[in-house]
Amino acid sequence: MQYMILIHTEPYPAPEPGQPGFDEYMAPWLEFNRTHGASGALVAGGQLQPTETATTIRRAFGGGDTIVDGPFAETKEQFGGFYIVEAADLDAALAIATSLPLPAGSFEVRPLLRDVQM
């Protein structure tokens, strides 16, 4: 079964590519990708730009759309990225999620629906 791991974290200073410390910062993430990619568990993943780049569309029942710069929710944590993993069950997906090298934050792990038509 496939699960999505949604990664939420408070913003923290991370070095940009080419800056000192970037390779050290990325090393555990690359190791996570290698380990779970080699096992066949890693299906997809992505990192998002900071919340300042977000645009939110809010739609109300019977009403129109409201477009707002930034995220809709006022919170310290931001949705920073995701992984889609193949795991035998929720416990296996949780084991993968807890091996993420994020220093602080939360991970939401949810099963994907298999019958969605594209």
PDB file of N, CA and C in Angstrom:
ATOM      1  N   MET A   1       0.842  -1.170   0.000  1.00  0.00           N
ATOM      2  CA  MET A   1       0.000   0.000   0.000  1.00  0.00           C
ATOM      3  C   MET A   1       0.890   1.237   0.000  1.00  0.00           C
ATOM      4  N   GLN A   2       0.412   2.295  -0.627  1.00  0.00           N
ATOM      5  CA  GLN A   2       1.170   3.534  -0.646  1.00  0.00           C
ATOM      6  C   GLN A   2       0.662   4.491   0.427  1.00  0.00           C
ATOM      7  N   TYR A   3       1.609   5.186   1.046  1.00  0.00           N
ATOM      8  CA  TYR A   3       1.332   6.161   2.091  1.00  0.00           C
ATOM      9  C   TYR A   3       2.026   7.469   1.735  1.00  0.00           C
ATOM     10  N   MET A   4       1.400   8.573   2.092  1.00  0.00           N
ATOM     11  CA  MET A   4       2.044   9.872   1.949  1.00  0.00           C
ATOM     12  C   MET A   4       2.505  10.306   3.321  1.00  0.00           C
ATOM     13  N   ILE A   5       3.737  10.754   3.392  1.00  0.00           N
ATOM     14  CA  ILE A   5       4.299  11.329   4.608  1.00  0.00           C
ATOM     15  C   ILE A   5       4.371  12.832   4.368  1.00  0.00           C
ATOM     16  N   LEU A   6       3.556  13.583   5.081  1.00  0.00           N
ATOM     17  CA  LEU A   6       3.549  15.044   4.973  1.00  0.00           C
ATOM     18  C   LEU A   6       4.448  15.586   6.080  1.00  0.00           C
ATOM     19  N   ILE A   7       5.409  16.393   5.700  1.00  0.00           N
ATOM     20  CA  ILE A   7       6.412  16.881   6.638  1.00  0.00           C
ATOM     21  C   ILE A   7       6.078  18.321   7.022  1.00  0.00           C
ATOM     22  N   HIS A   8       5.878  18.542   8.321  1.00  0.00           N
ATOM     23  CA  HIS A   8       5.579  19.874   8.848  1.00  0.00           C
ATOM     24  C   HIS A   8       6.708  20.266   9.795  1.00  0.00           C
ATOM     25  N   THR A   9       7.199  21.481   9.649  1.00  0.00           N
ATOM     26  CA  THR A   9       8.289  21.923  10.498  1.00  0.00           C
ATOM     27  C   THR A   9       8.224  23.425  10.704  1.00  0.00           C
ATOM     28  N   GLU A  10       8.794  23.869  11.796  1.00  0.00           N
ATOM     29  CA  GLU A  10       8.981  25.298  11.967  1.00  0.00           C
ATOM     30  C   GLU A  10      10.134  25.710  11.064  1.00  0.00           C
ATOM     31  N   PRO A  11      10.066  26.914  10.512  1.00  0.00           N
ATOM     32  CA  PRO A  11      11.186  27.360   9.680  1.00  0.00           C
ATOM     33  C   PRO A  11      12.483  27.354  10.492  1.00  0.00           C
ATOM     34  N   TYR A  12      13.535  26.872   9.895  1.00  0.00           N
ATOM     35  CA  TYR A  12      14.835  26.902  10.545  1.00  0.00           C
ATOM     36  C   TYR A  12      15.879  27.212   9.484  1.00  0.00           C
ATOM     37  N   PRO A  13      16.965  27.840   9.898  1.00  0.00           N
ATOM     38  CA  PRO A  13      17.967  28.250   8.908  1.00  0.00           C
ATOM     39  C   PRO A  13      18.672  27.035   8.319  1.00  0.00           C
ATOM     40  N   ALA A  14      18.591  26.907   7.037  1.00  0.00           N
ATOM     41  CA  ALA A  14      19.278  25.839   6.324  1.00  0.00           C
ATOM     42  C   ALA A  14      20.159  26.496   5.268  1.00  0.00           C
ATOM     43  N   PRO A  15      21.379  26.038   5.121  1.00  0.00           N
ATOM     44  CA  PRO A  15      22.255  26.655   4.124  1.00  0.00           C
ATOM     45  C   PRO A  15      21.753  26.422   2.702  1.00  0.00           C
ATOM     46  N   GLU A  16      21.958  27.398   1.861  1.00  0.00           N
ATOM     47  CA  GLU A  16      21.593  27.309   0.448  1.00  0.00           C
ATOM     48  C   GLU A  16      22.665  26.525  -0.301  1.00  0.00           C
ATOM     49  N   PRO A  17      22.311  25.947  -1.456  1.00  0.00           N
ATOM     50  CA  PRO A  17      23.327  25.261  -2.259  1.00  0.00           C
ATOM     51  C   PRO A  17      24.517  26.181  -2.527  1.00  0.00           C
ATOM     52  N   GLY A  18      25.697  25.616  -2.364  1.00  0.00           N
ATOM     53  CA  GLY A  18      26.927  26.376  -2.584  1.00  0.00           C
ATOM     54  C   GLY A  18      27.447  27.080  -1.352  1.00  0.00           C
ATOM     55  N   GLN A  19      26.615  27.207  -0.305  1.00  0.00           N
ATOM     56  CA  GLN A  19      27.060  27.853   0.922  1.00  0.00           C
ATOM     57  C   GLN A  19      27.770  26.842   1.813  1.00  0.00           C
ATOM     58  N   PRO A  20      28.644  27.324   2.691  1.00  0.00           N
ATOM     59  CA  PRO A  20      29.295  26.417   3.636  1.00  0.00           C
ATOM     60  C   PRO A  20      28.253  25.681   4.475  1.00  0.00           C
ATOM     61  N   GLY A  21      28.463  24.409   4.679  1.00  0.00           N
ATOM     62  CA  GLY A  21      27.577  23.583   5.492  1.00  0.00           C
ATOM     63  C   GLY A  21      26.445  22.925   4.722  1.00  0.00           C
ATOM     64  N   PHE A  22      26.259  23.286   3.445  1.00  0.00           N
ATOM     65  CA  PHE A  22      25.150  22.724   2.679  1.00  0.00           C
ATOM     66  C   PHE A  22      25.300  21.211   2.518  1.00  0.00           C
ATOM     67  N   ASP A  23      26.492  20.749   2.159  1.00  0.00           N
ATOM     68  CA  ASP A  23      26.691  19.306   1.962  1.00  0.00           C
ATOM     69  C   ASP A  23      26.446  18.530   3.250  1.00  0.00           C
ATOM     70  N   GLU A  24      26.885  19.075   4.380  1.00  0.00           N
ATOM     71  CA  GLU A  24      26.670  18.410   5.666  1.00  0.00           C
ATOM     72  C   GLU A  24      25.179  18.395   6.016  1.00  0.00           C
ATOM     73  N   TYR A  25      24.488  19.480   5.704  1.00  0.00           N
ATOM     74  CA  TYR A  25      23.052  19.556   5.956  1.00  0.00           C
ATOM     75  C   TYR A  25      22.286  18.523   5.120  1.00  0.00           C
ATOM     76  N   MET A  26      22.673  18.371   3.868  1.00  0.00           N
ATOM     77  CA  MET A  26      21.960  17.482   2.952  1.00  0.00           C
ATOM     78  C   MET A  26      22.311  16.007   3.126  1.00  0.00           C
ATOM     79  N   ALA A  27      23.469  15.704   3.713  1.00  0.00           N
ATOM     80  CA  ALA A  27      23.942  14.317   3.801  1.00  0.00           C
ATOM     81  C   ALA A  27      22.915  13.355   4.395  1.00  0.00           C
ATOM     82  N   PRO A  28      22.289  13.648   5.534  1.00  0.00           N
ATOM     83  CA  PRO A  28      21.322  12.682   6.068  1.00  0.00           C
ATOM     84  C   PRO A  28      20.082  12.529   5.195  1.00  0.00           C
ATOM     85  N   TRP A  29      19.674  13.599   4.495  1.00  0.00           N
ATOM     86  CA  TRP A  29      18.524  13.509   3.594  1.00  0.00           C
ATOM     87  C   TRP A  29      18.862  12.635   2.392  1.00  0.00           C
ATOM     88  N   LEU A  30      20.058  12.809   1.849  1.00  0.00           N
ATOM     89  CA  LEU A  30      20.474  11.986   0.712  1.00  0.00           C
ATOM     90  C   LEU A  30      20.595  10.521   1.124  1.00  0.00           C
ATOM     91  N   GLU A  31      21.065  10.280   2.342  1.00  0.00           N
ATOM     92  CA  GLU A  31      21.168   8.909   2.851  1.00  0.00           C
ATOM     93  C   GLU A  31      19.774   8.298   3.020  1.00  0.00           C
ATOM     94  N   PHE A  32      18.827   9.071   3.535  1.00  0.00           N
ATOM     95  CA  PHE A  32      17.441   8.602   3.640  1.00  0.00           C
ATOM     96  C   PHE A  32      16.927   8.211   2.258  1.00  0.00           C
ATOM     97  N   ASN A  33      17.129   9.084   1.272  1.00  0.00           N
ATOM     98  CA  ASN A  33      16.668   8.809  -0.093  1.00  0.00           C
ATOM     99  C   ASN A  33      17.334   7.558  -0.668  1.00  0.00           C
ATOM    100  N   ARG A  34      18.646   7.415  -0.463  1.00  0.00           N
ATOM    101  CA  ARG A  34      19.368   6.230  -0.970  1.00  0.00           C
ATOM    102  C   ARG A  34      18.863   4.955  -0.309  1.00  0.00           C
ATOM    103  N   THR A  35      18.751   4.986   1.002  1.00  0.00           N
ATOM    104  CA  THR A  35      18.340   3.796   1.757  1.00  0.00           C
ATOM    105  C   THR A  35      16.951   3.328   1.334  1.00  0.00           C
ATOM    106  N   HIS A  36      15.993   4.235   1.337  1.00  0.00           N
ATOM    107  CA  HIS A  36      14.618   3.838   1.045  1.00  0.00           C
ATOM    108  C   HIS A  36      14.360   3.715  -0.453  1.00  0.00           C
ATOM    109  N   GLY A  37      15.157   4.391  -1.261  1.00  0.00           N
ATOM    110  CA  GLY A  37      15.076   4.192  -2.707  1.00  0.00           C
ATOM    111  C   GLY A  37      15.582   2.815  -3.098  1.00  0.00           C
ATOM    112  N   ALA A  38      16.695   2.398  -2.497  1.00  0.00           N
ATOM    113  CA  ALA A  38      17.266   1.084  -2.798  1.00  0.00           C
ATOM    114  C   ALA A  38      16.352  -0.051  -2.353  1.00  0.00           C
ATOM    115  N   SER A  39      15.594   0.166  -1.285  1.00  0.00           N
ATOM    116  CA  SER A  39      14.698  -0.890  -0.791  1.00  0.00           C
ATOM    117  C   SER A  39      13.412  -0.972  -1.608  1.00  0.00           C
ATOM    118  N   GLY A  40      13.183   0.034  -2.461  1.00  0.00           N
ATOM    119  CA  GLY A  40      11.958   0.065  -3.248  1.00  0.00           C
ATOM    120  C   GLY A  40      10.797   0.741  -2.550  1.00  0.00           C
ATOM    121  N   ALA A  41      11.027   1.232  -1.328  1.00  0.00           N
ATOM    122  CA  ALA A  41       9.940   1.860  -0.573  1.00  0.00           C
ATOM    123  C   ALA A  41       9.658   3.284  -1.039  1.00  0.00           C
ATOM    124  N   LEU A  42      10.669   3.981  -1.511  1.00  0.00           N
ATOM    125  CA  LEU A  42      10.498   5.381  -1.888  1.00  0.00           C
ATOM    126  C   LEU A  42       9.910   5.476  -3.286  1.00  0.00           C
ATOM    127  N   VAL A  43       8.710   6.027  -3.388  1.00  0.00           N
ATOM    128  CA  VAL A  43       8.011   6.166  -4.665  1.00  0.00           C
ATOM    129  C   VAL A  43       8.235   7.559  -5.246  1.00  0.00           C
ATOM    130  N   ALA A  44       8.098   8.597  -4.416  1.00  0.00           N
ATOM    131  CA  ALA A  44       8.259   9.977  -4.865  1.00  0.00           C
ATOM    132  C   ALA A  44       8.476  10.861  -3.651  1.00  0.00           C
ATOM    133  N   GLY A  45       8.909  12.068  -3.907  1.00  0.00           N
ATOM    134  CA  GLY A  45       9.086  13.027  -2.830  1.00  0.00           C
ATOM    135  C   GLY A  45       9.351  14.392  -3.395  1.00  0.00           C
ATOM    136  N   GLY A  46       9.198  15.396  -2.551  1.00  0.00           N
ATOM    137  CA  GLY A  46       9.473  16.749  -2.987  1.00  0.00           C
ATOM    138  C   GLY A  46       9.558  17.698  -1.814  1.00  0.00           C
ATOM    139  N   GLN A  47      10.353  18.740  -2.021  1.00  0.00           N
ATOM    140  CA  GLN A  47      10.486  19.797  -1.031  1.00  0.00           C
ATOM    141  C   GLN A  47       9.792  21.030  -1.587  1.00  0.00           C
ATOM    142  N   LEU A  48       9.112  21.762  -0.727  1.00  0.00           N
ATOM    143  CA  LEU A  48       8.397  22.950  -1.149  1.00  0.00           C
ATOM    144  C   LEU A  48       9.211  24.210  -0.866  1.00  0.00           C
ATOM    145  N   GLN A  49       8.938  25.247  -1.637  1.00  0.00           N
ATOM    146  CA  GLN A  49       9.495  26.564  -1.358  1.00  0.00           C
ATOM    147  C   GLN A  49       8.898  27.050  -0.036  1.00  0.00           C
ATOM    148  N   PRO A  50       9.484  28.085   0.588  1.00  0.00           N
ATOM    149  CA  PRO A  50       8.941  28.600   1.862  1.00  0.00           C
ATOM    150  C   PRO A  50       7.499  29.089   1.721  1.00  0.00           C
ATOM    151  N   THR A  51       6.809  29.192   2.842  1.00  0.00           N
ATOM    152  CA  THR A  51       5.408  29.583   2.826  1.00  0.00           C
ATOM    153  C   THR A  51       5.190  30.986   2.263  1.00  0.00           C
ATOM    154  N   GLU A  52       6.213  31.828   2.290  1.00  0.00           N
ATOM    155  CA  GLU A  52       6.073  33.162   1.723  1.00  0.00           C
ATOM    156  C   GLU A  52       5.754  33.111   0.227  1.00  0.00           C
ATOM    157  N   THR A  53       6.054  31.998  -0.419  1.00  0.00           N
ATOM    158  CA  THR A  53       5.805  31.863  -1.859  1.00  0.00           C
ATOM    159  C   THR A  53       4.428  31.276  -2.147  1.00  0.00           C
ATOM    160  N   ALA A  54       3.691  30.914  -1.103  1.00  0.00           N
ATOM    161  CA  ALA A  54       2.397  30.246  -1.283  1.00  0.00           C
ATOM    162  C   ALA A  54       1.302  31.218  -1.691  1.00  0.00           C
ATOM    163  N   THR A  55       0.345  30.717  -2.426  1.00  0.00           N
ATOM    164  CA  THR A  55      -0.899  31.405  -2.718  1.00  0.00           C
ATOM    165  C   THR A  55      -2.016  30.431  -2.385  1.00  0.00           C
ATOM    166  N   THR A  56      -2.978  30.879  -1.585  1.00  0.00           N
ATOM    167  CA  THR A  56      -4.067  30.014  -1.141  1.00  0.00           C
ATOM    168  C   THR A  56      -5.361  30.428  -1.828  1.00  0.00           C
ATOM    169  N   ILE A  57      -6.089  29.442  -2.317  1.00  0.00           N
ATOM    170  CA  ILE A  57      -7.415  29.672  -2.873  1.00  0.00           C
ATOM    171  C   ILE A  57      -8.413  29.096  -1.885  1.00  0.00           C
ATOM    172  N   ARG A  58      -9.279  29.941  -1.374  1.00  0.00           N
ATOM    173  CA  ARG A  58     -10.314  29.489  -0.431  1.00  0.00           C
ATOM    174  C   ARG A  58     -11.649  29.539  -1.162  1.00  0.00           C
ATOM    175  N   ARG A  59     -12.336  28.432  -1.148  1.00  0.00           N
ATOM    176  CA  ARG A  59     -13.629  28.310  -1.827  1.00  0.00           C
ATOM    177  C   ARG A  59     -14.689  27.982  -0.786  1.00  0.00           C
ATOM    178  N   ALA A  60     -15.777  28.741  -0.793  1.00  0.00           N
ATOM    179  CA  ALA A  60     -16.893  28.518   0.120  1.00  0.00           C
ATOM    180  C   ALA A  60     -18.046  27.888  -0.647  1.00  0.00           C
ATOM    181  N   PHE A  61     -18.850  27.073   0.038  1.00  0.00           N
ATOM    182  CA  PHE A  61     -20.033  26.492  -0.583  1.00  0.00           C
ATOM    183  C   PHE A  61     -20.928  27.614  -1.094  1.00  0.00           C
ATOM    184  N   GLY A  62     -21.327  27.514  -2.343  1.00  0.00           N
ATOM    185  CA  GLY A  62     -22.240  28.493  -2.919  1.00  0.00           C
ATOM    186  C   GLY A  62     -21.633  29.849  -3.185  1.00  0.00           C
ATOM    187  N   GLY A  63     -20.353  30.011  -2.947  1.00  0.00           N
ATOM    188  CA  GLY A  63     -19.710  31.312  -3.146  1.00  0.00           C
ATOM    189  C   GLY A  63     -18.569  31.211  -4.127  1.00  0.00           C
ATOM    190  N   GLY A  64     -17.879  32.285  -4.298  1.00  0.00           N
ATOM    191  CA  GLY A  64     -16.752  32.319  -5.216  1.00  0.00           C
ATOM    192  C   GLY A  64     -15.449  31.984  -4.517  1.00  0.00           C
ATOM    193  N   ASP A  65     -14.394  32.157  -5.264  1.00  0.00           N
ATOM    194  CA  ASP A  65     -13.056  31.897  -4.744  1.00  0.00           C
ATOM    195  C   ASP A  65     -12.443  33.181  -4.199  1.00  0.00           C
ATOM    196  N   THR A  66     -11.685  33.038  -3.129  1.00  0.00           N
ATOM    197  CA  THR A  66     -10.890  34.132  -2.591  1.00  0.00           C
ATOM    198  C   THR A  66      -9.437  33.700  -2.693  1.00  0.00           C
ATOM    199  N   ILE A  67      -8.615  34.524  -3.309  1.00  0.00           N
ATOM    200  CA  ILE A  67      -7.198  34.209  -3.482  1.00  0.00           C
ATOM    201  C   ILE A  67      -6.391  35.091  -2.544  1.00  0.00           C
ATOM    202  N   VAL A  68      -5.533  34.462  -1.747  1.00  0.00           N
ATOM    203  CA  VAL A  68      -4.761  35.156  -0.726  1.00  0.00           C
ATOM    204  C   VAL A  68      -3.297  34.767  -0.867  1.00  0.00           C
ATOM    205  N   ASP A  69      -2.414  35.756  -0.768  1.00  0.00           N
ATOM    206  CA  ASP A  69      -0.982  35.443  -0.739  1.00  0.00           C
ATOM    207  C   ASP A  69      -0.650  34.798   0.593  1.00  0.00           C
ATOM    208  N   GLY A  70       0.162  33.760   0.532  1.00  0.00           N
ATOM    209  CA  GLY A  70       0.592  33.082   1.742  1.00  0.00           C
ATOM    210  C   GLY A  70      -0.298  31.899   2.083  1.00  0.00           C
ATOM    211  N   PRO A  71       0.086  31.162   3.113  1.00  0.00           N
ATOM    212  CA  PRO A  71      -0.718  30.004   3.532  1.00  0.00           C
ATOM    213  C   PRO A  71      -1.994  30.466   4.221  1.00  0.00           C
ATOM    214  N   PHE A  72      -3.008  29.621   4.187  1.00  0.00           N
ATOM    215  CA  PHE A  72      -4.283  29.972   4.830  1.00  0.00           C
ATOM    216  C   PHE A  72      -4.165  29.896   6.343  1.00  0.00           C
ATOM    217  N   ALA A  73      -3.563  28.830   6.848  1.00  0.00           N
ATOM    218  CA  ALA A  73      -3.494  28.616   8.296  1.00  0.00           C
ATOM    219  C   ALA A  73      -2.410  29.497   8.920  1.00  0.00           C
ATOM    220  N   GLU A  74      -2.740  30.090  10.046  1.00  0.00           N
ATOM    221  CA  GLU A  74      -1.756  30.838  10.824  1.00  0.00           C
ATOM    222  C   GLU A  74      -1.166  29.865  11.839  1.00  0.00           C
ATOM    223  N   THR A  75       0.039  29.433  11.593  1.00  0.00           N
ATOM    224  CA  THR A  75       0.662  28.448  12.453  1.00  0.00           C
ATOM    225  C   THR A  75       2.172  28.617  12.407  1.00  0.00           C
ATOM    226  N   LYS A  76       2.851  28.148  13.435  1.00  0.00           N
ATOM    227  CA  LYS A  76       4.312  28.200  13.426  1.00  0.00           C
ATOM    228  C   LYS A  76       4.876  27.176  12.451  1.00  0.00           C
ATOM    229  N   GLU A  77       4.250  25.993  12.418  1.00  0.00           N
ATOM    230  CA  GLU A  77       4.746  24.949  11.522  1.00  0.00           C
ATOM    231  C   GLU A  77       4.236  25.180  10.113  1.00  0.00           C
ATOM    232  N   GLN A  78       5.040  24.798   9.155  1.00  0.00           N
ATOM    233  CA  GLN A  78       4.650  24.905   7.762  1.00  0.00           C
ATOM    234  C   GLN A  78       4.818  23.552   7.081  1.00  0.00           C
ATOM    235  N   PHE A  79       4.008  23.332   6.063  1.00  0.00           N
ATOM    236  CA  PHE A  79       4.116  22.125   5.251  1.00  0.00           C
ATOM    237  C   PHE A  79       5.326  22.317   4.355  1.00  0.00           C
ATOM    238  N   GLY A  80       6.359  21.521   4.573  1.00  0.00           N
ATOM    239  CA  GLY A  80       7.623  21.736   3.878  1.00  0.00           C
ATOM    240  C   GLY A  80       7.930  20.762   2.763  1.00  0.00           C
ATOM    241  N   GLY A  81       7.303  19.598   2.775  1.00  0.00           N
ATOM    242  CA  GLY A  81       7.583  18.621   1.743  1.00  0.00           C
ATOM    243  C   GLY A  81       6.846  17.331   2.017  1.00  0.00           C
ATOM    244  N   PHE A  82       7.106  16.355   1.167  1.00  0.00           N
ATOM    245  CA  PHE A  82       6.386  15.097   1.286  1.00  0.00           C
ATOM    246  C   PHE A  82       7.205  13.961   0.684  1.00  0.00           C
ATOM    247  N   TYR A  83       6.851  12.767   1.085  1.00  0.00           N
ATOM    248  CA  TYR A  83       7.311  11.540   0.451  1.00  0.00           C
ATOM    249  C   TYR A  83       6.102  10.654   0.224  1.00  0.00           C
ATOM    250  N   ILE A  84       6.113   9.909  -0.838  1.00  0.00           N
ATOM    251  CA  ILE A  84       5.161   8.820  -1.034  1.00  0.00           C
ATOM    252  C   ILE A  84       5.976   7.551  -0.945  1.00  0.00           C
ATOM    253  N   VAL A  85       5.558   6.657  -0.053  1.00  0.00           N
ATOM    254  CA  VAL A  85       6.298   5.418   0.171  1.00  0.00           C
ATOM    255  C   VAL A  85       5.388   4.221  -0.030  1.00  0.00           C
ATOM    256  N   GLU A  86       5.989   3.123  -0.404  1.00  0.00           N
ATOM    257  CA  GLU A  86       5.306   1.839  -0.516  1.00  0.00           C
ATOM    258  C   GLU A  86       5.655   1.066   0.745  1.00  0.00           C
ATOM    259  N   ALA A  87       4.629   0.651   1.492  1.00  0.00           N
ATOM    260  CA  ALA A  87       4.866  -0.059   2.744  1.00  0.00           C
ATOM    261  C   ALA A  87       3.798  -1.134   2.919  1.00  0.00           C
ATOM    262  N   ALA A  88       4.161  -2.196   3.607  1.00  0.00           N
ATOM    263  CA  ALA A  88       3.248  -3.320   3.809  1.00  0.00           C
ATOM    264  C   ALA A  88       2.029  -2.914   4.633  1.00  0.00           C
ATOM    265  N   ASP A  89       2.241  -2.002   5.589  1.00  0.00           N
ATOM    266  CA  ASP A  89       1.140  -1.572   6.454  1.00  0.00           C
ATOM    267  C   ASP A  89       1.527  -0.256   7.115  1.00  0.00           C
ATOM    268  N   LEU A  90       0.631   0.266   7.943  1.00  0.00           N
ATOM    269  CA  LEU A  90       0.874   1.547   8.591  1.00  0.00           C
ATOM    270  C   LEU A  90       2.125   1.505   9.461  1.00  0.00           C
ATOM    271  N   ASP A  91       2.343   0.412  10.180  1.00  0.00           N
ATOM    272  CA  ASP A  91       3.523   0.325  11.040  1.00  0.00           C
ATOM    273  C   ASP A  91       4.806   0.465  10.232  1.00  0.00           C
ATOM    274  N   ALA A  92       4.863  -0.161   9.063  1.00  0.00           N
ATOM    275  CA  ALA A  92       6.049  -0.045   8.208  1.00  0.00           C
ATOM    276  C   ALA A  92       6.206   1.382   7.693  1.00  0.00           C
ATOM    277  N   ALA A  93       5.109   2.035   7.327  1.00  0.00           N
ATOM    278  CA  ALA A  93       5.160   3.430   6.875  1.00  0.00           C
ATOM    279  C   ALA A  93       5.623   4.348   8.003  1.00  0.00           C
ATOM    280  N   LEU A  94       5.160   4.089   9.221  1.00  0.00           N
ATOM    281  CA  LEU A  94       5.585   4.890  10.366  1.00  0.00           C
ATOM    282  C   LEU A  94       7.065   4.704  10.655  1.00  0.00           C
ATOM    283  N   ALA A  95       7.568   3.504  10.477  1.00  0.00           N
ATOM    284  CA  ALA A  95       9.000   3.252  10.677  1.00  0.00           C
ATOM    285  C   ALA A  95       9.828   4.065   9.683  1.00  0.00           C
ATOM    286  N   ILE A  96       9.366   4.153   8.442  1.00  0.00           N
ATOM    287  CA  ILE A  96      10.069   4.969   7.448  1.00  0.00           C
ATOM    288  C   ILE A  96       9.999   6.436   7.859  1.00  0.00           C
ATOM    289  N   ALA A  97       8.816   6.898   8.239  1.00  0.00           N
ATOM    290  CA  ALA A  97       8.645   8.306   8.611  1.00  0.00           C
ATOM    291  C   ALA A  97       9.527   8.694   9.788  1.00  0.00           C
ATOM    292  N   THR A  98       9.633   7.828  10.782  1.00  0.00           N
ATOM    293  CA  THR A  98      10.438   8.170  11.957  1.00  0.00           C
ATOM    294  C   THR A  98      11.927   8.156  11.663  1.00  0.00           C
ATOM    295  N   SER A  99      12.333   7.636  10.508  1.00  0.00           N
ATOM    296  CA  SER A  99      13.751   7.672  10.146  1.00  0.00           C
ATOM    297  C   SER A  99      14.113   8.940   9.367  1.00  0.00           C
ATOM    298  N   LEU A 100      13.141   9.822   9.125  1.00  0.00           N
ATOM    299  CA  LEU A 100      13.449  11.097   8.461  1.00  0.00           C
ATOM    300  C   LEU A 100      14.401  11.907   9.330  1.00  0.00           C
ATOM    301  N   PRO A 101      15.369  12.585   8.722  1.00  0.00           N
ATOM    302  CA  PRO A 101      16.368  13.313   9.509  1.00  0.00           C
ATOM    303  C   PRO A 101      15.962  14.735   9.895  1.00  0.00           C
ATOM    304  N   LEU A 102      14.698  15.015  10.024  1.00  0.00           N
ATOM    305  CA  LEU A 102      14.238  16.347  10.400  1.00  0.00           C
ATOM    306  C   LEU A 102      14.539  16.588  11.877  1.00  0.00           C
ATOM    307  N   PRO A 103      15.183  17.727  12.212  1.00  0.00           N
ATOM    308  CA  PRO A 103      15.554  17.950  13.611  1.00  0.00           C
ATOM    309  C   PRO A 103      14.365  18.189  14.530  1.00  0.00           C
ATOM    310  N   ALA A 104      13.278  18.790  14.027  1.00  0.00           N
ATOM    311  CA  ALA A 104      12.079  19.035  14.835  1.00  0.00           C
ATOM    312  C   ALA A 104      10.912  19.242  13.888  1.00  0.00           C
ATOM    313  N   GLY A 105       9.727  18.859  14.319  1.00  0.00           N
ATOM    314  CA  GLY A 105       8.542  19.031  13.492  1.00  0.00           C
ATOM    315  C   GLY A 105       7.599  17.864  13.682  1.00  0.00           C
ATOM    316  N   SER A 106       6.699  17.691  12.727  1.00  0.00           N
ATOM    317  CA  SER A 106       5.757  16.579  12.794  1.00  0.00           C
ATOM    318  C   SER A 106       5.592  15.966  11.417  1.00  0.00           C
ATOM    319  N   PHE A 107       5.217  14.699  11.417  1.00  0.00           N
ATOM    320  CA  PHE A 107       4.992  13.964  10.185  1.00  0.00           C
ATOM    321  C   PHE A 107       3.571  13.422  10.219  1.00  0.00           C
ATOM    322  N   GLU A 108       2.813  13.708   9.192  1.00  0.00           N
ATOM    323  CA  GLU A 108       1.476  13.125   9.062  1.00  0.00           C
ATOM    324  C   GLU A 108       1.591  12.002   8.044  1.00  0.00           C
ATOM    325  N   VAL A 109       1.170  10.810   8.419  1.00  0.00           N
ATOM    326  CA  VAL A 109       1.262   9.639   7.548  1.00  0.00           C
ATOM    327  C   VAL A 109      -0.162   9.193   7.228  1.00  0.00           C
ATOM    328  N   ARG A 110      -0.493   9.177   5.923  1.00  0.00           N
ATOM    329  CA  ARG A 110      -1.854   8.824   5.508  1.00  0.00           C
ATOM    330  C   ARG A 110      -1.805   7.896   4.312  1.00  0.00           C
ATOM    331  N   PRO A 111      -2.691   6.884   4.292  1.00  0.00           N
ATOM    332  CA  PRO A 111      -2.748   5.994   3.135  1.00  0.00           C
ATOM    333  C   PRO A 111      -3.347   6.722   1.934  1.00  0.00           C
ATOM    334  N   LEU A 112      -2.853   6.382   0.745  1.00  0.00           N
ATOM    335  CA  LEU A 112      -3.408   6.919  -0.487  1.00  0.00           C
ATOM    336  C   LEU A 112      -4.551   6.032  -0.953  1.00  0.00           C
ATOM    337  N   LEU A 113      -5.536   6.628  -1.595  1.00  0.00           N
ATOM    338  CA  LEU A 113      -6.621   5.847  -2.206  1.00  0.00           C
ATOM    339  C   LEU A 113      -6.087   5.220  -3.485  1.00  0.00           C
ATOM    340  N   ARG A 114      -6.398   3.966  -3.705  1.00  0.00           N
ATOM    341  CA  ARG A 114      -5.931   3.254  -4.887  1.00  0.00           C
ATOM    342  C   ARG A 114      -6.842   3.433  -6.081  1.00  0.00           C
ATOM    343  N   ASP A 115      -8.108   3.787  -5.858  1.00  0.00           N
ATOM    344  CA  ASP A 115      -9.077   3.757  -6.950  1.00  0.00           C
ATOM    345  C   ASP A 115      -9.348   5.118  -7.582  1.00  0.00           C
ATOM    346  N   VAL A 116      -8.439   6.071  -7.403  1.00  0.00           N
ATOM    347  CA  VAL A 116      -8.621   7.391  -8.005  1.00  0.00           C
ATOM    348  C   VAL A 116      -8.330   7.308  -9.499  1.00  0.00           C
ATOM    349  N   GLN A 117      -9.261   7.766 -10.298  1.00  0.00           N
ATOM    350  CA  GLN A 117      -9.086   7.766 -11.757  1.00  0.00           C
ATOM    351  C   GLN A 117      -8.448   9.077 -12.185  1.00  0.00           C
ATOM    352  N   MET A 118      -7.428   8.994 -12.991  1.00  0.00           N
ATOM    353  CA  MET A 118      -6.762  10.199 -13.508  1.00  0.00           C
ATOM    354  C   MET A 118      -7.141  10.409 -14.950  1.00  0.00           C
TER     355      MET A 118
END
